[in-house]
């Protein structure tokens, strides 16, 4: 899932070398993962898209992939300047 997400994100942003994805377990039971995407501040809008359609589509694809693998997944986007 992470490789697929990395591939798609690099196609959407203007600074692909700055795009990173970290994966952390969801909750204490480890029944899924939180994927945190960190991109250049200028690229946050490219990931979210107009009216949030792009991020919604990415989350749908990630959910479908997670369901196929029998797990759960969440997606969070942040810019490099955010804490």
PDB file of N, CA and C in Angstrom:
ATOM      1  N   UNK A   1       0.811  -1.193   0.000  1.00  0.00           N
ATOM      2  CA  UNK A   1       0.000   0.000   0.000  1.00  0.00           C
ATOM      3  C   UNK A   1       0.860   1.265   0.000  1.00  0.00           C
ATOM      4  N   UNK A   2       1.920   1.237   0.779  1.00  0.00           N
ATOM      5  CA  UNK A   2       2.766   2.421   0.883  1.00  0.00           C
ATOM      6  C   UNK A   2       3.468   2.712  -0.439  1.00  0.00           C
ATOM      7  N   UNK A   3       3.917   1.683  -1.136  1.00  0.00           N
ATOM      8  CA  UNK A   3       4.572   1.886  -2.435  1.00  0.00           C
ATOM      9  C   UNK A   3       3.611   2.502  -3.453  1.00  0.00           C
ATOM     10  N   UNK A   4       2.377   2.013  -3.459  1.00  0.00           N
ATOM     11  CA  UNK A   4       1.366   2.559  -4.363  1.00  0.00           C
ATOM     12  C   UNK A   4       1.095   4.024  -4.038  1.00  0.00           C
ATOM     13  N   UNK A   5       0.931   4.318  -2.770  1.00  0.00           N
ATOM     14  CA  UNK A   5       0.678   5.691  -2.341  1.00  0.00           C
ATOM     15  C   UNK A   5       1.839   6.611  -2.713  1.00  0.00           C
ATOM     16  N   UNK A   6       3.052   6.123  -2.523  1.00  0.00           N
ATOM     17  CA  UNK A   6       4.247   6.906  -2.875  1.00  0.00           C
ATOM     18  C   UNK A   6       4.265   7.207  -4.376  1.00  0.00           C
ATOM     19  N   UNK A   7       3.952   6.213  -5.192  1.00  0.00           N
ATOM     20  CA  UNK A   7       3.938   6.393  -6.636  1.00  0.00           C
ATOM     21  C   UNK A   7       2.919   7.455  -7.049  1.00  0.00           C
ATOM     22  N   UNK A   8       1.713   7.353  -6.536  1.00  0.00           N
ATOM     23  CA  UNK A   8       0.657   8.296  -6.904  1.00  0.00           C
ATOM     24  C   UNK A   8       1.016   9.711  -6.453  1.00  0.00           C
ATOM     25  N   UNK A   9       1.508   9.846  -5.237  1.00  0.00           N
ATOM     26  CA  UNK A   9       1.832  11.172  -4.713  1.00  0.00           C
ATOM     27  C   UNK A   9       2.914  11.866  -5.526  1.00  0.00           C
ATOM     28  N   UNK A  10       3.911  11.128  -5.920  1.00  0.00           N
ATOM     29  CA  UNK A  10       5.002  11.727  -6.696  1.00  0.00           C
ATOM     30  C   UNK A  10       4.520  12.229  -8.049  1.00  0.00           C
ATOM     31  N   UNK A  11       3.427  11.672  -8.554  1.00  0.00           N
ATOM     32  CA  UNK A  11       2.870  12.136  -9.821  1.00  0.00           C
ATOM     33  C   UNK A  11       2.053  13.414  -9.644  1.00  0.00           C
ATOM     34  N   UNK A  12       1.569  13.670  -8.431  1.00  0.00           N
ATOM     35  CA  UNK A  12       0.685  14.808  -8.180  1.00  0.00           C
ATOM     36  C   UNK A  12       1.412  16.091  -7.792  1.00  0.00           C
ATOM     37  N   UNK A  13       2.600  15.978  -7.223  1.00  0.00           N
ATOM     38  CA  UNK A  13       3.264  17.148  -6.646  1.00  0.00           C
ATOM     39  C   UNK A  13       4.307  17.749  -7.574  1.00  0.00           C
ATOM     40  N   UNK A  14       4.672  19.002  -7.291  1.00  0.00           N
ATOM     41  CA  UNK A  14       5.698  19.692  -8.065  1.00  0.00           C
ATOM     42  C   UNK A  14       7.101  19.459  -7.519  1.00  0.00           C
ATOM     43  N   UNK A  15       7.195  19.008  -6.270  1.00  0.00           N
ATOM     44  CA  UNK A  15       8.484  18.727  -5.620  1.00  0.00           C
ATOM     45  C   UNK A  15       8.489  17.269  -5.139  1.00  0.00           C
ATOM     46  N   UNK A  16       8.557  16.305  -6.065  1.00  0.00           N
ATOM     47  CA  UNK A  16       8.436  14.900  -5.673  1.00  0.00           C
ATOM     48  C   UNK A  16       9.550  14.406  -4.750  1.00  0.00           C
ATOM     49  N   UNK A  17      10.736  15.021  -4.809  1.00  0.00           N
ATOM     50  CA  UNK A  17      11.830  14.571  -3.960  1.00  0.00           C
ATOM     51  C   UNK A  17      11.596  14.912  -2.495  1.00  0.00           C
ATOM     52  N   UNK A  18      10.693  15.842  -2.223  1.00  0.00           N
ATOM     53  CA  UNK A  18      10.405  16.248  -0.852  1.00  0.00           C
ATOM     54  C   UNK A  18       9.214  15.497  -0.254  1.00  0.00           C
ATOM     55  N   UNK A  19       8.539  14.692  -1.043  1.00  0.00           N
ATOM     56  CA  UNK A  19       7.374  13.947  -0.559  1.00  0.00           C
ATOM     57  C   UNK A  19       7.831  12.697   0.186  1.00  0.00           C
ATOM     58  N   UNK A  20       7.381  12.565   1.436  1.00  0.00           N
ATOM     59  CA  UNK A  20       7.699  11.380   2.228  1.00  0.00           C
ATOM     60  C   UNK A  20       6.421  10.827   2.845  1.00  0.00           C
ATOM     61  N   UNK A  21       6.449   9.543   3.128  1.00  0.00           N
ATOM     62  CA  UNK A  21       5.318   8.887   3.766  1.00  0.00           C
ATOM     63  C   UNK A  21       5.841   8.115   4.974  1.00  0.00           C
ATOM     64  N   UNK A  22       5.212   8.336   6.117  1.00  0.00           N
ATOM     65  CA  UNK A  22       5.536   7.539   7.306  1.00  0.00           C
ATOM     66  C   UNK A  22       4.313   6.707   7.655  1.00  0.00           C
ATOM     67  N   UNK A  23       4.567   5.516   8.133  1.00  0.00           N
ATOM     68  CA  UNK A  23       3.491   4.587   8.487  1.00  0.00           C
ATOM     69  C   UNK A  23       3.587   4.266   9.965  1.00  0.00           C
ATOM     70  N   UNK A  24       2.499   4.481  10.689  1.00  0.00           N
ATOM     71  CA  UNK A  24       2.448   4.159  12.108  1.00  0.00           C
ATOM     72  C   UNK A  24       1.212   3.301  12.366  1.00  0.00           C
ATOM     73  N   UNK A  25       1.270   2.433  13.373  1.00  0.00           N
ATOM     74  CA  UNK A  25       0.118   1.588  13.682  1.00  0.00           C
ATOM     75  C   UNK A  25      -1.069   2.418  14.172  1.00  0.00           C
ATOM     76  N   UNK A  26      -2.252   1.974  13.823  1.00  0.00           N
ATOM     77  CA  UNK A  26      -3.483   2.608  14.297  1.00  0.00           C
ATOM     78  C   UNK A  26      -3.886   1.947  15.611  1.00  0.00           C
ATOM     79  N   UNK A  27      -4.002   2.716  16.659  1.00  0.00           N
ATOM     80  CA  UNK A  27      -4.468   2.179  17.933  1.00  0.00           C
ATOM     81  C   UNK A  27      -3.504   1.192  18.544  1.00  0.00           C
ATOM     82  N   UNK A  28      -3.941   0.602  19.629  1.00  0.00           N
ATOM     83  CA  UNK A  28      -3.099  -0.355  20.367  1.00  0.00           C
ATOM     84  C   UNK A  28      -3.160  -1.760  19.802  1.00  0.00           C
ATOM     85  N   UNK A  29      -4.219  -2.076  19.069  1.00  0.00           N
ATOM     86  CA  UNK A  29      -4.371  -3.437  18.567  1.00  0.00           C
ATOM     87  C   UNK A  29      -3.602  -3.697  17.277  1.00  0.00           C
ATOM     88  N   UNK A  30      -3.044  -2.658  16.671  1.00  0.00           N
ATOM     89  CA  UNK A  30      -2.263  -2.821  15.445  1.00  0.00           C
ATOM     90  C   UNK A  30      -3.091  -3.276  14.266  1.00  0.00           C
ATOM     91  N   UNK A  31      -4.392  -2.971  14.293  1.00  0.00           N
ATOM     92  CA  UNK A  31      -5.306  -3.432  13.255  1.00  0.00           C
ATOM     93  C   UNK A  31      -5.401  -2.450  12.089  1.00  0.00           C
ATOM     94  N   UNK A  32      -4.304  -1.825  11.751  1.00  0.00           N
ATOM     95  CA  UNK A  32      -4.294  -0.903  10.636  1.00  0.00           C
ATOM     96  C   UNK A  32      -3.131   0.053  10.734  1.00  0.00           C
ATOM     97  N   UNK A  33      -3.057   0.971   9.793  1.00  0.00           N
ATOM     98  CA  UNK A  33      -1.943   1.913   9.750  1.00  0.00           C
ATOM     99  C   UNK A  33      -2.422   3.314   9.414  1.00  0.00           C
ATOM    100  N   UNK A  34      -1.720   4.282   9.965  1.00  0.00           N
ATOM    101  CA  UNK A  34      -1.903   5.682   9.617  1.00  0.00           C
ATOM    102  C   UNK A  34      -0.746   6.061   8.707  1.00  0.00           C
ATOM    103  N   UNK A  35      -1.067   6.516   7.511  1.00  0.00           N
ATOM    104  CA  UNK A  35      -0.060   6.977   6.577  1.00  0.00           C
ATOM    105  C   UNK A  35      -0.051   8.500   6.635  1.00  0.00           C
ATOM    106  N   UNK A  36       1.077   9.068   7.043  1.00  0.00           N
ATOM    107  CA  UNK A  36       1.219  10.515   7.108  1.00  0.00           C
ATOM    108  C   UNK A  36       2.087  10.958   5.945  1.00  0.00           C
ATOM    109  N   UNK A  37       1.510  11.763   5.086  1.00  0.00           N
ATOM    110  CA  UNK A  37       2.198  12.271   3.905  1.00  0.00           C
ATOM    111  C   UNK A  37       2.716  13.667   4.227  1.00  0.00           C
ATOM    112  N   UNK A  38       4.008  13.861   4.052  1.00  0.00           N
ATOM    113  CA  UNK A  38       4.615  15.166   4.257  1.00  0.00           C
ATOM    114  C   UNK A  38       5.152  15.654   2.921  1.00  0.00           C
ATOM    115  N   UNK A  39       4.689  16.827   2.512  1.00  0.00           N
ATOM    116  CA  UNK A  39       5.087  17.401   1.227  1.00  0.00           C
ATOM    117  C   UNK A  39       5.493  18.858   1.415  1.00  0.00           C
ATOM    118  N   UNK A  40       6.085  19.426   0.401  1.00  0.00           N
ATOM    119  CA  UNK A  40       6.412  20.843   0.378  1.00  0.00           C
ATOM    120  C   UNK A  40       5.116  21.632   0.566  1.00  0.00           C
ATOM    121  N   UNK A  41       5.182  22.758   1.276  1.00  0.00           N
ATOM    122  CA  UNK A  41       3.994  23.575   1.538  1.00  0.00           C
ATOM    123  C   UNK A  41       3.245  23.928   0.249  1.00  0.00           C
ATOM    124  N   UNK A  42       3.977  24.162  -0.827  1.00  0.00           N
ATOM    125  CA  UNK A  42       3.353  24.509  -2.104  1.00  0.00           C
ATOM    126  C   UNK A  42       2.548  23.358  -2.691  1.00  0.00           C
ATOM    127  N   UNK A  43       2.845  22.130  -2.284  1.00  0.00           N
ATOM    128  CA  UNK A  43       2.198  20.951  -2.849  1.00  0.00           C
ATOM    129  C   UNK A  43       0.991  20.456  -2.060  1.00  0.00           C
ATOM    130  N   UNK A  44       0.738  21.037  -0.903  1.00  0.00           N
ATOM    131  CA  UNK A  44      -0.396  20.582  -0.094  1.00  0.00           C
ATOM    132  C   UNK A  44      -1.696  20.728  -0.879  1.00  0.00           C
ATOM    133  N   UNK A  45      -1.856  21.840  -1.571  1.00  0.00           N
ATOM    134  CA  UNK A  45      -3.057  22.061  -2.374  1.00  0.00           C
ATOM    135  C   UNK A  45      -3.208  21.053  -3.504  1.00  0.00           C
ATOM    136  N   UNK A  46      -2.087  20.602  -4.059  1.00  0.00           N
ATOM    137  CA  UNK A  46      -2.132  19.593  -5.127  1.00  0.00           C
ATOM    138  C   UNK A  46      -2.655  18.261  -4.594  1.00  0.00           C
ATOM    139  N   UNK A  47      -2.300  17.942  -3.368  1.00  0.00           N
ATOM    140  CA  UNK A  47      -2.735  16.682  -2.757  1.00  0.00           C
ATOM    141  C   UNK A  47      -4.203  16.771  -2.353  1.00  0.00           C
ATOM    142  N   UNK A  48      -4.608  17.895  -1.807  1.00  0.00           N
ATOM    143  CA  UNK A  48      -5.994  18.043  -1.357  1.00  0.00           C
ATOM    144  C   UNK A  48      -6.935  18.219  -2.540  1.00  0.00           C
ATOM    145  N   UNK A  49      -6.543  19.018  -3.512  1.00  0.00           N
ATOM    146  CA  UNK A  49      -7.354  19.213  -4.707  1.00  0.00           C
ATOM    147  C   UNK A  49      -8.507  20.168  -4.474  1.00  0.00           C
ATOM    148  N   UNK A  50      -9.159  20.539  -5.545  1.00  0.00           N
ATOM    149  CA  UNK A  50     -10.283  21.468  -5.468  1.00  0.00           C
ATOM    150  C   UNK A  50     -11.441  20.815  -4.723  1.00  0.00           C
ATOM    151  N   UNK A  51     -11.917  21.499  -3.700  1.00  0.00           N
ATOM    152  CA  UNK A  51     -13.002  21.001  -2.847  1.00  0.00           C
ATOM    153  C   UNK A  51     -12.679  19.657  -2.191  1.00  0.00           C
ATOM    154  N   UNK A  52     -11.395  19.296  -2.097  1.00  0.00           N
ATOM    155  CA  UNK A  52     -10.987  18.066  -1.427  1.00  0.00           C
ATOM    156  C   UNK A  52     -11.206  16.799  -2.232  1.00  0.00           C
ATOM    157  N   UNK A  53     -11.459  16.955  -3.532  1.00  0.00           N
ATOM    158  CA  UNK A  53     -11.751  15.770  -4.345  1.00  0.00           C
ATOM    159  C   UNK A  53     -10.550  14.841  -4.497  1.00  0.00           C
ATOM    160  N   UNK A  54      -9.349  15.398  -4.622  1.00  0.00           N
ATOM    161  CA  UNK A  54      -8.167  14.562  -4.823  1.00  0.00           C
ATOM    162  C   UNK A  54      -7.860  13.740  -3.577  1.00  0.00           C
ATOM    163  N   UNK A  55      -7.862  14.377  -2.403  1.00  0.00           N
ATOM    164  CA  UNK A  55      -7.573  13.638  -1.175  1.00  0.00           C
ATOM    165  C   UNK A  55      -8.667  12.611  -0.893  1.00  0.00           C
ATOM    166  N   UNK A  56      -9.885  12.940  -1.245  1.00  0.00           N
ATOM    167  CA  UNK A  56     -10.982  11.989  -1.074  1.00  0.00           C
ATOM    168  C   UNK A  56     -10.779  10.753  -1.951  1.00  0.00           C
ATOM    169  N   UNK A  57     -10.353  10.977  -3.182  1.00  0.00           N
ATOM    170  CA  UNK A  57     -10.093   9.857  -4.091  1.00  0.00           C
ATOM    171  C   UNK A  57      -8.924   9.013  -3.582  1.00  0.00           C
ATOM    172  N   UNK A  58      -7.865   9.673  -3.091  1.00  0.00           N
ATOM    173  CA  UNK A  58      -6.723   8.932  -2.542  1.00  0.00           C
ATOM    174  C   UNK A  58      -7.143   8.086  -1.347  1.00  0.00           C
ATOM    175  N   UNK A  59      -7.962   8.659  -0.483  1.00  0.00           N
ATOM    176  CA  UNK A  59      -8.432   7.913   0.694  1.00  0.00           C
ATOM    177  C   UNK A  59      -9.301   6.728   0.278  1.00  0.00           C
ATOM    178  N   UNK A  60     -10.115   6.903  -0.748  1.00  0.00           N
ATOM    179  CA  UNK A  60     -10.944   5.798  -1.239  1.00  0.00           C
ATOM    180  C   UNK A  60     -10.089   4.663  -1.782  1.00  0.00           C
ATOM    181  N   UNK A  61      -9.064   5.012  -2.552  1.00  0.00           N
ATOM    182  CA  UNK A  61      -8.156   3.986  -3.081  1.00  0.00           C
ATOM    183  C   UNK A  61      -7.417   3.274  -1.954  1.00  0.00           C
ATOM    184  N   UNK A  62      -6.974   4.034  -0.967  1.00  0.00           N
ATOM    185  CA  UNK A  62      -6.267   3.446   0.167  1.00  0.00           C
ATOM    186  C   UNK A  62      -7.192   2.533   0.970  1.00  0.00           C
ATOM    187  N   UNK A  63      -8.431   2.959   1.175  1.00  0.00           N
ATOM    188  CA  UNK A  63      -9.407   2.121   1.886  1.00  0.00           C
ATOM    189  C   UNK A  63      -9.664   0.818   1.142  1.00  0.00           C
ATOM    190  N   UNK A  64      -9.797   0.909  -0.177  1.00  0.00           N
ATOM    191  CA  UNK A  64     -10.042  -0.294  -0.979  1.00  0.00           C
ATOM    192  C   UNK A  64      -8.862  -1.249  -0.899  1.00  0.00           C
ATOM    193  N   UNK A  65      -7.662  -0.716  -0.963  1.00  0.00           N
ATOM    194  CA  UNK A  65      -6.465  -1.550  -0.863  1.00  0.00           C
ATOM    195  C   UNK A  65      -6.359  -2.178   0.522  1.00  0.00           C
ATOM    196  N   UNK A  66      -6.642  -1.400   1.548  1.00  0.00           N
ATOM    197  CA  UNK A  66      -6.569  -1.926   2.917  1.00  0.00           C
ATOM    198  C   UNK A  66      -7.598  -3.028   3.123  1.00  0.00           C
ATOM    199  N   UNK A  67      -8.807  -2.823   2.612  1.00  0.00           N
ATOM    200  CA  UNK A  67      -9.841  -3.845   2.755  1.00  0.00           C
ATOM    201  C   UNK A  67      -9.444  -5.138   2.053  1.00  0.00           C
ATOM    202  N   UNK A  68      -8.823  -5.005   0.896  1.00  0.00           N
ATOM    203  CA  UNK A  68      -8.363  -6.185   0.158  1.00  0.00           C
ATOM    204  C   UNK A  68      -7.324  -6.962   0.965  1.00  0.00           C
ATOM    205  N   UNK A  69      -6.506  -6.228   1.745  1.00  0.00           N
ATOM    206  CA  UNK A  69      -5.487  -6.865   2.575  1.00  0.00           C
ATOM    207  C   UNK A  69      -5.988  -7.208   3.974  1.00  0.00           C
ATOM    208  N   UNK A  70      -7.268  -6.972   4.234  1.00  0.00           N
ATOM    209  CA  UNK A  70      -7.858  -7.324   5.521  1.00  0.00           C
ATOM    210  C   UNK A  70      -7.402  -6.438   6.668  1.00  0.00           C
ATOM    211  N   UNK A  71      -7.164  -5.170   6.395  1.00  0.00           N
ATOM    212  CA  UNK A  71      -6.707  -4.246   7.418  1.00  0.00           C
ATOM    213  C   UNK A  71      -7.414  -2.913   7.247  1.00  0.00           C
ATOM    214  N   UNK A  72      -7.026  -1.927   8.025  1.00  0.00           N
ATOM    215  CA  UNK A  72      -7.584  -0.585   7.929  1.00  0.00           C
ATOM    216  C   UNK A  72      -6.456   0.395   7.637  1.00  0.00           C
ATOM    217  N   UNK A  73      -6.796   1.520   7.044  1.00  0.00           N
ATOM    218  CA  UNK A  73      -5.782   2.538   6.740  1.00  0.00           C
ATOM    219  C   UNK A  73      -6.410   3.921   6.824  1.00  0.00           C
ATOM    220  N   UNK A  74      -5.611   4.867   7.270  1.00  0.00           N
ATOM    221  CA  UNK A  74      -6.008   6.278   7.312  1.00  0.00           C
ATOM    222  C   UNK A  74      -4.917   7.087   6.644  1.00  0.00           C
ATOM    223  N   UNK A  75      -5.270   8.242   6.126  1.00  0.00           N
ATOM    224  CA  UNK A  75      -4.324   9.091   5.413  1.00  0.00           C
ATOM    225  C   UNK A  75      -4.393  10.508   5.967  1.00  0.00           C
ATOM    226  N   UNK A  76      -3.227  11.045   6.307  1.00  0.00           N
ATOM    227  CA  UNK A  76      -3.118  12.407   6.818  1.00  0.00           C
ATOM    228  C   UNK A  76      -2.084  13.133   5.966  1.00  0.00           C
ATOM    229  N   UNK A  77      -2.362  14.384   5.617  1.00  0.00           N
ATOM    230  CA  UNK A  77      -1.440  15.192   4.799  1.00  0.00           C
ATOM    231  C   UNK A  77      -0.957  16.373   5.624  1.00  0.00           C
ATOM    232  N   UNK A  78       0.329  16.641   5.525  1.00  0.00           N
ATOM    233  CA  UNK A  78       0.903  17.817   6.209  1.00  0.00           C
ATOM    234  C   UNK A  78       2.013  18.402   5.368  1.00  0.00           C
ATOM    235  N   UNK A  79       2.243  19.692   5.540  1.00  0.00           N
ATOM    236  CA  UNK A  79       3.338  20.368   4.867  1.00  0.00           C
ATOM    237  C   UNK A  79       4.584  20.312   5.715  1.00  0.00           C
ATOM    238  N   UNK A  80       5.731  20.567   5.146  1.00  0.00           N
ATOM    239  CA  UNK A  80       7.005  20.518   5.876  1.00  0.00           C
ATOM    240  C   UNK A  80       7.053  21.500   7.030  1.00  0.00           C
ATOM    241  N   UNK A  81       6.348  22.625   6.936  1.00  0.00           N
ATOM    242  CA  UNK A  81       6.407  23.648   7.957  1.00  0.00           C
ATOM    243  C   UNK A  81       5.516  23.372   9.145  1.00  0.00           C
ATOM    244  N   UNK A  82       4.632  22.369   9.045  1.00  0.00           N
ATOM    245  CA  UNK A  82       3.734  22.046  10.159  1.00  0.00           C
ATOM    246  C   UNK A  82       4.465  21.221  11.205  1.00  0.00           C
ATOM    247  N   UNK A  83       4.034  21.373  12.442  1.00  0.00           N
ATOM    248  CA  UNK A  83       4.611  20.571  13.547  1.00  0.00           C
ATOM    249  C   UNK A  83       3.821  19.334  13.795  1.00  0.00           C
TER     250      UNK A  83
END
